[in-house]
Amino acid sequence: MSDNWTDGNSLGGPLREVFSVDITAATGRCSSCGTTGPLAEGRLFGPAPGLVLRCPHCGEPLLRMATGPGHAWLDLRGLAFIEVTTPG
């Protein structure tokens, strides 16, 4: 690890590029069973009290999302990674 760092605000630009794409086309890996595939292939349950995307193979939660006035909460603990294709 280096002593050359900046605070998390430096991620604003790079993350804006990633989160401005259709995330359902992203590839994710289930942390539970290791299945890899597009998030659009998951099974979505909801809407209340929030949305839960479950692995189509093992049924474990991949993503949880809740929204309120002016806020959104995402829980991505069920995903080992998300691979997003960015424009350009």
PDB file of N, CA and C in Angstrom:
ATOM      1  N   MET A   1       0.842  -1.168   0.000  1.00  0.00           N
ATOM      2  CA  MET A   1       0.000   0.000   0.000  1.00  0.00           C
ATOM      3  C   MET A   1       0.886   1.229   0.000  1.00  0.00           C
ATOM      4  N   SER A   2       0.424   2.260  -0.689  1.00  0.00           N
ATOM      5  CA  SER A   2       1.188   3.490  -0.823  1.00  0.00           C
ATOM      6  C   SER A   2       0.645   4.567   0.107  1.00  0.00           C
ATOM      7  N   ASP A   3       1.485   5.546   0.439  1.00  0.00           N
ATOM      8  CA  ASP A   3       1.036   6.698   1.204  1.00  0.00           C
ATOM      9  C   ASP A   3       0.448   7.772   0.294  1.00  0.00           C
ATOM     10  N   ASN A   4       0.453   7.542  -1.014  1.00  0.00           N
ATOM     11  CA  ASN A   4      -0.061   8.491  -1.998  1.00  0.00           C
ATOM     12  C   ASN A   4      -1.548   8.207  -2.229  1.00  0.00           C
ATOM     13  N   TRP A   5      -2.435   8.951  -1.556  1.00  0.00           N
ATOM     14  CA  TRP A   5      -3.864   8.704  -1.674  1.00  0.00           C
ATOM     15  C   TRP A   5      -4.645  10.009  -1.714  1.00  0.00           C
ATOM     16  N   THR A   6      -5.898   9.909  -2.182  1.00  0.00           N
ATOM     17  CA  THR A   6      -6.859  11.006  -2.115  1.00  0.00           C
ATOM     18  C   THR A   6      -8.128  10.437  -1.481  1.00  0.00           C
ATOM     19  N   ASP A   7      -9.073  11.294  -1.127  1.00  0.00           N
ATOM     20  CA  ASP A   7     -10.293  10.773  -0.510  1.00  0.00           C
ATOM     21  C   ASP A   7     -11.229  10.190  -1.568  1.00  0.00           C
ATOM     22  N   GLY A   8     -12.298   9.562  -1.102  1.00  0.00           N
ATOM     23  CA  GLY A   8     -13.234   8.862  -1.976  1.00  0.00           C
ATOM     24  C   GLY A   8     -13.939   9.733  -2.995  1.00  0.00           C
ATOM     25  N   ASN A   9     -13.936  11.053  -2.816  1.00  0.00           N
ATOM     26  CA  ASN A   9     -14.548  11.937  -3.804  1.00  0.00           C
ATOM     27  C   ASN A   9     -13.905  11.791  -5.175  1.00  0.00           C
ATOM     28  N   SER A  10     -12.684  11.326  -5.217  1.00  0.00           N
ATOM     29  CA  SER A  10     -11.985  11.135  -6.493  1.00  0.00           C
ATOM     30  C   SER A  10     -12.635  10.054  -7.345  1.00  0.00           C
ATOM     31  N   LEU A  11     -13.487   9.223  -6.741  1.00  0.00           N
ATOM     32  CA  LEU A  11     -14.190   8.179  -7.494  1.00  0.00           C
ATOM     33  C   LEU A  11     -15.409   8.708  -8.238  1.00  0.00           C
ATOM     34  N   GLY A  12     -15.810   9.952  -7.994  1.00  0.00           N
ATOM     35  CA  GLY A  12     -17.021  10.512  -8.591  1.00  0.00           C
ATOM     36  C   GLY A  12     -17.082  10.374 -10.090  1.00  0.00           C
ATOM     37  N   GLY A  13     -16.054  10.773 -10.785  1.00  0.00           N
ATOM     38  CA  GLY A  13     -16.028  10.686 -12.247  1.00  0.00           C
ATOM     39  C   GLY A  13     -16.047   9.258 -12.753  1.00  0.00           C
ATOM     40  N   PRO A  14     -15.119   8.410 -12.307  1.00  0.00           N
ATOM     41  CA  PRO A  14     -15.114   7.029 -12.792  1.00  0.00           C
ATOM     42  C   PRO A  14     -16.404   6.267 -12.489  1.00  0.00           C
ATOM     43  N   LEU A  15     -16.988   6.452 -11.304  1.00  0.00           N
ATOM     44  CA  LEU A  15     -18.219   5.741 -10.982  1.00  0.00           C
ATOM     45  C   LEU A  15     -19.408   6.273 -11.770  1.00  0.00           C
ATOM     46  N   ARG A  16     -19.410   7.552 -12.100  1.00  0.00           N
ATOM     47  CA  ARG A  16     -20.493   8.114 -12.907  1.00  0.00           C
ATOM     48  C   ARG A  16     -20.525   7.428 -14.270  1.00  0.00           C
ATOM     49  N   GLU A  17     -19.347   7.133 -14.823  1.00  0.00           N
ATOM     50  CA  GLU A  17     -19.284   6.438 -16.111  1.00  0.00           C
ATOM     51  C   GLU A  17     -19.856   5.030 -16.005  1.00  0.00           C
ATOM     52  N   VAL A  18     -19.556   4.335 -14.933  1.00  0.00           N
ATOM     53  CA  VAL A  18     -20.014   2.955 -14.753  1.00  0.00           C
ATOM     54  C   VAL A  18     -21.515   2.904 -14.493  1.00  0.00           C
ATOM     55  N   PHE A  19     -22.021   3.777 -13.627  1.00  0.00           N
ATOM     56  CA  PHE A  19     -23.428   3.718 -13.256  1.00  0.00           C
ATOM     57  C   PHE A  19     -24.355   4.414 -14.243  1.00  0.00           C
ATOM     58  N   SER A  20     -23.822   4.940 -15.335  1.00  0.00           N
ATOM     59  CA  SER A  20     -24.679   5.568 -16.340  1.00  0.00           C
ATOM     60  C   SER A  20     -25.036   4.597 -17.463  1.00  0.00           C
ATOM     61  N   VAL A  21     -24.681   3.335 -17.325  1.00  0.00           N
ATOM     62  CA  VAL A  21     -24.986   2.322 -18.339  1.00  0.00           C
ATOM     63  C   VAL A  21     -26.142   1.447 -17.855  1.00  0.00           C
ATOM     64  N   ASP A  22     -26.707   0.654 -18.746  1.00  0.00           N
ATOM     65  CA  ASP A  22     -27.769  -0.279 -18.385  1.00  0.00           C
ATOM     66  C   ASP A  22     -27.166  -1.398 -17.548  1.00  0.00           C
ATOM     67  N   ILE A  23     -27.389  -1.351 -16.256  1.00  0.00           N
ATOM     68  CA  ILE A  23     -26.758  -2.306 -15.342  1.00  0.00           C
ATOM     69  C   ILE A  23     -27.331  -3.719 -15.508  1.00  0.00           C
ATOM     70  N   THR A  24     -28.535  -3.858 -16.092  1.00  0.00           N
ATOM     71  CA  THR A  24     -29.085  -5.207 -16.289  1.00  0.00           C
ATOM     72  C   THR A  24     -28.296  -5.982 -17.337  1.00  0.00           C
ATOM     73  N   ALA A  25     -27.560  -5.272 -18.191  1.00  0.00           N
ATOM     74  CA  ALA A  25     -26.711  -5.938 -19.188  1.00  0.00           C
ATOM     75  C   ALA A  25     -25.360  -6.335 -18.604  1.00  0.00           C
ATOM     76  N   ALA A  26     -25.069  -5.876 -17.401  1.00  0.00           N
ATOM     77  CA  ALA A  26     -23.791  -6.200 -16.763  1.00  0.00           C
ATOM     78  C   ALA A  26     -23.730  -7.676 -16.404  1.00  0.00           C
ATOM     79  N   THR A  27     -22.538  -8.212 -16.367  1.00  0.00           N
ATOM     80  CA  THR A  27     -22.309  -9.587 -15.951  1.00  0.00           C
ATOM     81  C   THR A  27     -21.973  -9.589 -14.467  1.00  0.00           C
ATOM     82  N   GLY A  28     -22.585 -10.491 -13.734  1.00  0.00           N
ATOM     83  CA  GLY A  28     -22.283 -10.620 -12.311  1.00  0.00           C
ATOM     84  C   GLY A  28     -22.033 -12.064 -11.941  1.00  0.00           C
ATOM     85  N   ARG A  29     -21.328 -12.266 -10.837  1.00  0.00           N
ATOM     86  CA  ARG A  29     -21.076 -13.626 -10.328  1.00  0.00           C
ATOM     87  C   ARG A  29     -21.720 -13.766  -8.961  1.00  0.00           C
ATOM     88  N   CYS A  30     -22.525 -14.792  -8.799  1.00  0.00           N
ATOM     89  CA  CYS A  30     -23.170 -15.083  -7.523  1.00  0.00           C
ATOM     90  C   CYS A  30     -22.115 -15.470  -6.490  1.00  0.00           C
ATOM     91  N   SER A  31     -22.138 -14.793  -5.359  1.00  0.00           N
ATOM     92  CA  SER A  31     -21.184 -15.100  -4.289  1.00  0.00           C
ATOM     93  C   SER A  31     -21.437 -16.465  -3.671  1.00  0.00           C
ATOM     94  N   SER A  32     -22.654 -16.959  -3.800  1.00  0.00           N
ATOM     95  CA  SER A  32     -23.005 -18.224  -3.175  1.00  0.00           C
ATOM     96  C   SER A  32     -22.604 -19.438  -4.014  1.00  0.00           C
ATOM     97  N   CYS A  33     -23.060 -19.477  -5.282  1.00  0.00           N
ATOM     98  CA  CYS A  33     -22.812 -20.675  -6.096  1.00  0.00           C
ATOM     99  C   CYS A  33     -21.793 -20.474  -7.211  1.00  0.00           C
ATOM    100  N   GLY A  34     -21.405 -19.225  -7.484  1.00  0.00           N
ATOM    101  CA  GLY A  34     -20.399 -18.965  -8.507  1.00  0.00           C
ATOM    102  C   GLY A  34     -20.932 -18.837  -9.919  1.00  0.00           C
ATOM    103  N   THR A  35     -22.245 -18.938 -10.106  1.00  0.00           N
ATOM    104  CA  THR A  35     -22.822 -18.771 -11.441  1.00  0.00           C
ATOM    105  C   THR A  35     -22.551 -17.361 -11.944  1.00  0.00           C
ATOM    106  N   THR A  36     -22.134 -17.251 -13.195  1.00  0.00           N
ATOM    107  CA  THR A  36     -21.851 -15.963 -13.818  1.00  0.00           C
ATOM    108  C   THR A  36     -22.787 -15.761 -14.997  1.00  0.00           C
ATOM    109  N   GLY A  37     -23.361 -14.555 -15.090  1.00  0.00           N
ATOM    110  CA  GLY A  37     -24.239 -14.255 -16.207  1.00  0.00           C
ATOM    111  C   GLY A  37     -24.799 -12.857 -16.098  1.00  0.00           C
ATOM    112  N   PRO A  38     -25.570 -12.435 -17.102  1.00  0.00           N
ATOM    113  CA  PRO A  38     -26.165 -11.094 -17.082  1.00  0.00           C
ATOM    114  C   PRO A  38     -27.141 -10.956 -15.912  1.00  0.00           C
ATOM    115  N   LEU A  39     -27.153  -9.787 -15.295  1.00  0.00           N
ATOM    116  CA  LEU A  39     -28.078  -9.557 -14.192  1.00  0.00           C
ATOM    117  C   LEU A  39     -29.528  -9.692 -14.659  1.00  0.00           C
ATOM    118  N   ALA A  40     -29.786  -9.413 -15.946  1.00  0.00           N
ATOM    119  CA  ALA A  40     -31.138  -9.520 -16.488  1.00  0.00           C
ATOM    120  C   ALA A  40     -31.680 -10.942 -16.408  1.00  0.00           C
ATOM    121  N   GLU A  41     -30.815 -11.950 -16.246  1.00  0.00           N
ATOM    122  CA  GLU A  41     -31.277 -13.330 -16.134  1.00  0.00           C
ATOM    123  C   GLU A  41     -31.711 -13.690 -14.718  1.00  0.00           C
ATOM    124  N   GLY A  42     -31.474 -12.795 -13.770  1.00  0.00           N
ATOM    125  CA  GLY A  42     -31.887 -13.051 -12.389  1.00  0.00           C
ATOM    126  C   GLY A  42     -33.393 -13.011 -12.251  1.00  0.00           C
ATOM    127  N   ARG A  43     -33.879 -13.471 -11.087  1.00  0.00           N
ATOM    128  CA  ARG A  43     -35.317 -13.460 -10.795  1.00  0.00           C
ATOM    129  C   ARG A  43     -35.598 -12.318  -9.831  1.00  0.00           C
ATOM    130  N   LEU A  44     -36.430 -11.384 -10.273  1.00  0.00           N
ATOM    131  CA  LEU A  44     -36.705 -10.182  -9.496  1.00  0.00           C
ATOM    132  C   LEU A  44     -38.000 -10.339  -8.716  1.00  0.00           C
ATOM    133  N   PHE A  45     -37.935 -10.044  -7.414  1.00  0.00           N
ATOM    134  CA  PHE A  45     -39.088 -10.079  -6.529  1.00  0.00           C
ATOM    135  C   PHE A  45     -39.300  -8.687  -5.952  1.00  0.00           C
ATOM    136  N   GLY A  46     -40.542  -8.309  -5.761  1.00  0.00           N
ATOM    137  CA  GLY A  46     -40.858  -7.001  -5.201  1.00  0.00           C
ATOM    138  C   GLY A  46     -42.230  -6.596  -5.650  1.00  0.00           C
ATOM    139  N   PRO A  47     -42.631  -5.390  -5.427  1.00  0.00           N
ATOM    140  CA  PRO A  47     -41.817  -4.216  -5.144  1.00  0.00           C
ATOM    141  C   PRO A  47     -41.671  -3.863  -3.671  1.00  0.00           C
ATOM    142  N   ALA A  48     -42.570  -4.328  -2.802  1.00  0.00           N
ATOM    143  CA  ALA A  48     -42.514  -3.822  -1.429  1.00  0.00           C
ATOM    144  C   ALA A  48     -41.993  -4.885  -0.479  1.00  0.00           C
ATOM    145  N   PRO A  49     -41.193  -4.537   0.475  1.00  0.00           N
ATOM    146  CA  PRO A  49     -40.729  -3.185   0.786  1.00  0.00           C
ATOM    147  C   PRO A  49     -39.542  -2.736  -0.052  1.00  0.00           C
ATOM    148  N   GLY A  50     -39.080  -3.585  -0.948  1.00  0.00           N
ATOM    149  CA  GLY A  50     -37.980  -3.242  -1.845  1.00  0.00           C
ATOM    150  C   GLY A  50     -37.875  -4.321  -2.905  1.00  0.00           C
ATOM    151  N   LEU A  51     -36.890  -4.198  -3.763  1.00  0.00           N
ATOM    152  CA  LEU A  51     -36.662  -5.173  -4.826  1.00  0.00           C
ATOM    153  C   LEU A  51     -35.535  -6.114  -4.430  1.00  0.00           C
ATOM    154  N   VAL A  52     -35.700  -7.390  -4.752  1.00  0.00           N
ATOM    155  CA  VAL A  52     -34.661  -8.385  -4.492  1.00  0.00           C
ATOM    156  C   VAL A  52     -34.425  -9.153  -5.780  1.00  0.00           C
ATOM    157  N   LEU A  53     -33.191  -9.125  -6.279  1.00  0.00           N
ATOM    158  CA  LEU A  53     -32.802  -9.905  -7.453  1.00  0.00           C
ATOM    159  C   LEU A  53     -32.108 -11.165  -6.953  1.00  0.00           C
ATOM    160  N   ARG A  54     -32.655 -12.320  -7.331  1.00  0.00           N
ATOM    161  CA  ARG A  54     -32.110 -13.599  -6.872  1.00  0.00           C
ATOM    162  C   ARG A  54     -31.421 -14.345  -8.011  1.00  0.00           C
ATOM    163  N   CYS A  55     -30.422 -15.120  -7.650  1.00  0.00           N
ATOM    164  CA  CYS A  55     -29.678 -15.940  -8.608  1.00  0.00           C
ATOM    165  C   CYS A  55     -30.635 -16.930  -9.275  1.00  0.00           C
ATOM    166  N   PRO A  56     -30.599 -17.021 -10.613  1.00  0.00           N
ATOM    167  CA  PRO A  56     -31.485 -17.964 -11.291  1.00  0.00           C
ATOM    168  C   PRO A  56     -31.086 -19.420 -11.072  1.00  0.00           C
ATOM    169  N   HIS A  57     -29.873 -19.645 -10.562  1.00  0.00           N
ATOM    170  CA  HIS A  57     -29.383 -21.011 -10.358  1.00  0.00           C
ATOM    171  C   HIS A  57     -29.674 -21.517  -8.941  1.00  0.00           C
ATOM    172  N   CYS A  58     -29.263 -20.737  -7.918  1.00  0.00           N
ATOM    173  CA  CYS A  58     -29.392 -21.211  -6.538  1.00  0.00           C
ATOM    174  C   CYS A  58     -30.455 -20.474  -5.726  1.00  0.00           C
ATOM    175  N   GLY A  59     -30.959 -19.351  -6.237  1.00  0.00           N
ATOM    176  CA  GLY A  59     -32.009 -18.624  -5.543  1.00  0.00           C
ATOM    177  C   GLY A  59     -31.551 -17.675  -4.453  1.00  0.00           C
ATOM    178  N   GLU A  60     -30.254 -17.588  -4.213  1.00  0.00           N
ATOM    179  CA  GLU A  60     -29.758 -16.669  -3.185  1.00  0.00           C
ATOM    180  C   GLU A  60     -29.849 -15.221  -3.685  1.00  0.00           C
ATOM    181  N   PRO A  61     -30.045 -14.250  -2.766  1.00  0.00           N
ATOM    182  CA  PRO A  61     -30.123 -12.843  -3.176  1.00  0.00           C
ATOM    183  C   PRO A  61     -28.800 -12.352  -3.766  1.00  0.00           C
ATOM    184  N   LEU A  62     -28.881 -11.705  -4.916  1.00  0.00           N
ATOM    185  CA  LEU A  62     -27.717 -11.085  -5.540  1.00  0.00           C
ATOM    186  C   LEU A  62     -27.670  -9.599  -5.204  1.00  0.00           C
ATOM    187  N   LEU A  63     -28.833  -8.962  -5.265  1.00  0.00           N
ATOM    188  CA  LEU A  63     -28.930  -7.512  -5.134  1.00  0.00           C
ATOM    189  C   LEU A  63     -30.236  -7.177  -4.427  1.00  0.00           C
ATOM    190  N   ARG A  64     -30.159  -6.231  -3.512  1.00  0.00           N
ATOM    191  CA  ARG A  64     -31.358  -5.702  -2.864  1.00  0.00           C
ATOM    192  C   ARG A  64     -31.376  -4.198  -3.110  1.00  0.00           C
ATOM    193  N   MET A  65     -32.580  -3.667  -3.381  1.00  0.00           N
ATOM    194  CA  MET A  65     -32.704  -2.234  -3.639  1.00  0.00           C
ATOM    195  C   MET A  65     -33.970  -1.716  -2.985  1.00  0.00           C
ATOM    196  N   ALA A  66     -33.817  -0.635  -2.253  1.00  0.00           N
ATOM    197  CA  ALA A  66     -34.959   0.064  -1.670  1.00  0.00           C
ATOM    198  C   ALA A  66     -34.830   1.532  -2.027  1.00  0.00           C
ATOM    199  N   THR A  67     -35.960   2.181  -2.229  1.00  0.00           N
ATOM    200  CA  THR A  67     -35.937   3.604  -2.561  1.00  0.00           C
ATOM    201  C   THR A  67     -36.891   4.361  -1.646  1.00  0.00           C
ATOM    202  N   GLY A  68     -36.568   5.612  -1.455  1.00  0.00           N
ATOM    203  CA  GLY A  68     -37.400   6.533  -0.713  1.00  0.00           C
ATOM    204  C   GLY A  68     -37.267   7.891  -1.367  1.00  0.00           C
ATOM    205  N   PRO A  69     -38.014   8.857  -0.896  1.00  0.00           N
ATOM    206  CA  PRO A  69     -37.948  10.180  -1.502  1.00  0.00           C
ATOM    207  C   PRO A  69     -36.505  10.718  -1.550  1.00  0.00           C
ATOM    208  N   GLY A  70     -35.962  10.823  -2.761  1.00  0.00           N
ATOM    209  CA  GLY A  70     -34.627  11.379  -2.944  1.00  0.00           C
ATOM    210  C   GLY A  70     -33.472  10.467  -2.574  1.00  0.00           C
ATOM    211  N   HIS A  71     -33.744   9.180  -2.298  1.00  0.00           N
ATOM    212  CA  HIS A  71     -32.671   8.267  -1.879  1.00  0.00           C
ATOM    213  C   HIS A  71     -32.873   6.874  -2.481  1.00  0.00           C
ATOM    214  N   ALA A  72     -31.792   6.153  -2.639  1.00  0.00           N
ATOM    215  CA  ALA A  72     -31.834   4.747  -3.046  1.00  0.00           C
ATOM    216  C   ALA A  72     -30.762   4.012  -2.248  1.00  0.00           C
ATOM    217  N   TRP A  73     -31.092   2.813  -1.803  1.00  0.00           N
ATOM    218  CA  TRP A  73     -30.151   1.984  -1.054  1.00  0.00           C
ATOM    219  C   TRP A  73     -29.934   0.705  -1.838  1.00  0.00           C
ATOM    220  N   LEU A  74     -28.666   0.349  -2.064  1.00  0.00           N
ATOM    221  CA  LEU A  74     -28.295  -0.863  -2.790  1.00  0.00           C
ATOM    222  C   LEU A  74     -27.463  -1.760  -1.883  1.00  0.00           C
ATOM    223  N   ASP A  75     -27.813  -3.020  -1.843  1.00  0.00           N
ATOM    224  CA  ASP A  75     -27.038  -4.026  -1.129  1.00  0.00           C
ATOM    225  C   ASP A  75     -26.584  -5.029  -2.176  1.00  0.00           C
ATOM    226  N   LEU A  76     -25.275  -5.074  -2.439  1.00  0.00           N
ATOM    227  CA  LEU A  76     -24.716  -5.931  -3.494  1.00  0.00           C
ATOM    228  C   LEU A  76     -23.908  -7.087  -2.920  1.00  0.00           C
ATOM    229  N   ARG A  77     -24.132  -7.428  -1.647  1.00  0.00           N
ATOM    230  CA  ARG A  77     -23.324  -8.468  -1.012  1.00  0.00           C
ATOM    231  C   ARG A  77     -23.427  -9.824  -1.678  1.00  0.00           C
ATOM    232  N   GLY A  78     -24.506 -10.074  -2.422  1.00  0.00           N
ATOM    233  CA  GLY A  78     -24.666 -11.367  -3.079  1.00  0.00           C
ATOM    234  C   GLY A  78     -23.889 -11.505  -4.373  1.00  0.00           C
ATOM    235  N   LEU A  79     -23.225 -10.435  -4.784  1.00  0.00           N
ATOM    236  CA  LEU A  79     -22.448 -10.457  -6.022  1.00  0.00           C
ATOM    237  C   LEU A  79     -20.955 -10.421  -5.711  1.00  0.00           C
ATOM    238  N   ALA A  80     -20.216 -11.381  -6.222  1.00  0.00           N
ATOM    239  CA  ALA A  80     -18.760 -11.377  -6.058  1.00  0.00           C
ATOM    240  C   ALA A  80     -18.146 -10.256  -6.881  1.00  0.00           C
ATOM    241  N   PHE A  81     -18.751  -9.976  -8.052  1.00  0.00           N
ATOM    242  CA  PHE A  81     -18.309  -8.855  -8.886  1.00  0.00           C
ATOM    243  C   PHE A  81     -19.400  -8.512  -9.867  1.00  0.00           C
ATOM    244  N   ILE A  82     -19.300  -7.319 -10.452  1.00  0.00           N
ATOM    245  CA  ILE A  82     -20.131  -6.896 -11.578  1.00  0.00           C
ATOM    246  C   ILE A  82     -19.179  -6.380 -12.644  1.00  0.00           C
ATOM    247  N   GLU A  83     -19.335  -6.892 -13.863  1.00  0.00           N
ATOM    248  CA  GLU A  83     -18.532  -6.451 -15.000  1.00  0.00           C
ATOM    249  C   GLU A  83     -19.425  -5.634 -15.931  1.00  0.00           C
ATOM    250  N   VAL A  84     -19.083  -4.384 -16.156  1.00  0.00           N
ATOM    251  CA  VAL A  84     -19.877  -3.472 -16.956  1.00  0.00           C
ATOM    252  C   VAL A  84     -19.108  -3.089 -18.214  1.00  0.00           C
ATOM    253  N   THR A  85     -19.791  -3.134 -19.357  1.00  0.00           N
ATOM    254  CA  THR A  85     -19.204  -2.644 -20.593  1.00  0.00           C
ATOM    255  C   THR A  85     -19.500  -1.160 -20.678  1.00  0.00           C
ATOM    256  N   THR A  86     -18.446  -0.351 -20.774  1.00  0.00           N
ATOM    257  CA  THR A  86     -18.612   1.095 -20.809  1.00  0.00           C
ATOM    258  C   THR A  86     -18.524   1.600 -22.241  1.00  0.00           C
ATOM    259  N   PRO A  87     -19.220   2.698 -22.533  1.00  0.00           N
ATOM    260  CA  PRO A  87     -19.154   3.256 -23.878  1.00  0.00           C
ATOM    261  C   PRO A  87     -17.737   3.692 -24.244  1.00  0.00           C
ATOM    262  N   GLY A  88     -17.348   3.456 -25.465  1.00  0.00           N
ATOM    263  CA  GLY A  88     -16.045   3.920 -25.944  1.00  0.00           C
ATOM    264  C   GLY A  88     -14.967   3.060 -25.442  1.00  0.00           C
TER     265      GLY A  88
END
